[in-house]
């Protein structure tokens, strides 16, 4: 099933370009949150930022399961 119809069947979020864009957005939000946490010394936000960066890395197109 390789072809344009298999892409439509898998869904919108399984496309590598969409996953790459979502991954970069999540990582950017995590980095901004980490910077805010470091400046304001709020370690709970830093913990959340580390989790966000990890989720962003896991969302990358290399993790796409077929």
C-alpha atoms as a PDB file:
ATOM      1  CA  UNK A   1       0.000   0.000   0.000  1.00  0.00           C
ATOM      2  CA  UNK A   2       2.465   2.612  -1.019  1.00  0.00           C
ATOM      3  CA  UNK A   3       1.042   5.603  -2.740  1.00  0.00           C
ATOM      4  CA  UNK A   4      -1.064   8.659  -2.143  1.00  0.00           C
ATOM      5  CA  UNK A   5      -4.049   6.704  -0.878  1.00  0.00           C
ATOM      6  CA  UNK A   6      -2.048   5.086   1.928  1.00  0.00           C
ATOM      7  CA  UNK A   7      -1.108   8.568   3.249  1.00  0.00           C
ATOM      8  CA  UNK A   8      -4.763   9.555   3.421  1.00  0.00           C
ATOM      9  CA  UNK A   9      -5.663   6.315   5.116  1.00  0.00           C
ATOM     10  CA  UNK A  10      -3.071   6.757   7.873  1.00  0.00           C
ATOM     11  CA  UNK A  11      -4.329  10.198   8.805  1.00  0.00           C
ATOM     12  CA  UNK A  12      -3.220  13.766   8.908  1.00  0.00           C
ATOM     13  CA  UNK A  13      -0.967  13.544  11.971  1.00  0.00           C
ATOM     14  CA  UNK A  14       1.005  10.582  10.692  1.00  0.00           C
ATOM     15  CA  UNK A  15       2.553  12.563   7.844  1.00  0.00           C
ATOM     16  CA  UNK A  16       6.248  13.217   8.499  1.00  0.00           C
ATOM     17  CA  UNK A  17       6.052  16.948   7.729  1.00  0.00           C
ATOM     18  CA  UNK A  18       3.124  17.481  10.099  1.00  0.00           C
ATOM     19  CA  UNK A  19       4.872  15.492  12.827  1.00  0.00           C
ATOM     20  CA  UNK A  20       8.077  17.488  12.329  1.00  0.00           C
ATOM     21  CA  UNK A  21       6.229  20.809  12.634  1.00  0.00           C
ATOM     22  CA  UNK A  22       4.343  19.676  15.755  1.00  0.00           C
ATOM     23  CA  UNK A  23       7.568  18.371  17.239  1.00  0.00           C
ATOM     24  CA  UNK A  24       9.348  21.679  16.698  1.00  0.00           C
ATOM     25  CA  UNK A  25       6.459  23.659  18.207  1.00  0.00           C
ATOM     26  CA  UNK A  26       6.359  21.475  21.328  1.00  0.00           C
ATOM     27  CA  UNK A  27      10.133  21.688  21.747  1.00  0.00           C
ATOM     28  CA  UNK A  28      10.082  25.484  21.300  1.00  0.00           C
ATOM     29  CA  UNK A  29       7.382  25.835  23.970  1.00  0.00           C
ATOM     30  CA  UNK A  30       9.418  23.585  26.269  1.00  0.00           C
ATOM     31  CA  UNK A  31      12.562  25.675  25.788  1.00  0.00           C
ATOM     32  CA  UNK A  32      10.713  28.929  26.459  1.00  0.00           C
ATOM     33  CA  UNK A  33       9.141  27.391  29.562  1.00  0.00           C
ATOM     34  CA  UNK A  34      12.581  26.221  30.731  1.00  0.00           C
ATOM     35  CA  UNK A  35      14.031  29.713  30.315  1.00  0.00           C
ATOM     36  CA  UNK A  36      11.167  31.244  32.282  1.00  0.00           C
ATOM     37  CA  UNK A  37      11.616  28.604  34.977  1.00  0.00           C
ATOM     38  CA  UNK A  38      15.344  29.261  35.272  1.00  0.00           C
ATOM     39  CA  UNK A  39      14.909  33.027  35.480  1.00  0.00           C
ATOM     40  CA  UNK A  40      12.114  32.860  38.037  1.00  0.00           C
ATOM     41  CA  UNK A  41      13.589  29.855  39.947  1.00  0.00           C
ATOM     42  CA  UNK A  42      10.412  27.801  39.685  1.00  0.00           C
ATOM     43  CA  UNK A  43      11.535  24.224  39.536  1.00  0.00           C
ATOM     44  CA  UNK A  44       8.086  22.810  38.870  1.00  0.00           C
ATOM     45  CA  UNK A  45       8.036  24.678  35.567  1.00  0.00           C
ATOM     46  CA  UNK A  46      11.523  23.384  34.809  1.00  0.00           C
ATOM     47  CA  UNK A  47      10.308  19.836  35.372  1.00  0.00           C
ATOM     48  CA  UNK A  48       7.350  20.450  33.048  1.00  0.00           C
ATOM     49  CA  UNK A  49       9.706  21.928  30.444  1.00  0.00           C
ATOM     50  CA  UNK A  50      11.928  18.845  30.510  1.00  0.00           C
ATOM     51  CA  UNK A  51       8.864  16.657  29.976  1.00  0.00           C
ATOM     52  CA  UNK A  52       7.703  18.868  27.078  1.00  0.00           C
ATOM     53  CA  UNK A  53      11.088  18.665  25.371  1.00  0.00           C
ATOM     54  CA  UNK A  54      11.037  14.889  25.770  1.00  0.00           C
ATOM     55  CA  UNK A  55       7.547  14.679  24.283  1.00  0.00           C
ATOM     56  CA  UNK A  56       8.637  16.893  21.406  1.00  0.00           C
ATOM     57  CA  UNK A  57      11.538  14.570  20.698  1.00  0.00           C
ATOM     58  CA  UNK A  58       9.212  11.581  20.783  1.00  0.00           C
ATOM     59  CA  UNK A  59       6.835  13.253  18.313  1.00  0.00           C
ATOM     60  CA  UNK A  60       9.502  13.478  15.625  1.00  0.00           C
ATOM     61  CA  UNK A  61       8.963  11.767  12.280  1.00  0.00           C
ATOM     62  CA  UNK A  62      11.653   9.166  13.050  1.00  0.00           C
ATOM     63  CA  UNK A  63       9.312   7.693  15.664  1.00  0.00           C
ATOM     64  CA  UNK A  64       6.550   7.026  13.153  1.00  0.00           C
ATOM     65  CA  UNK A  65       5.392   3.416  13.460  1.00  0.00           C
ATOM     66  CA  UNK A  66       3.998   1.774  10.373  1.00  0.00           C
END
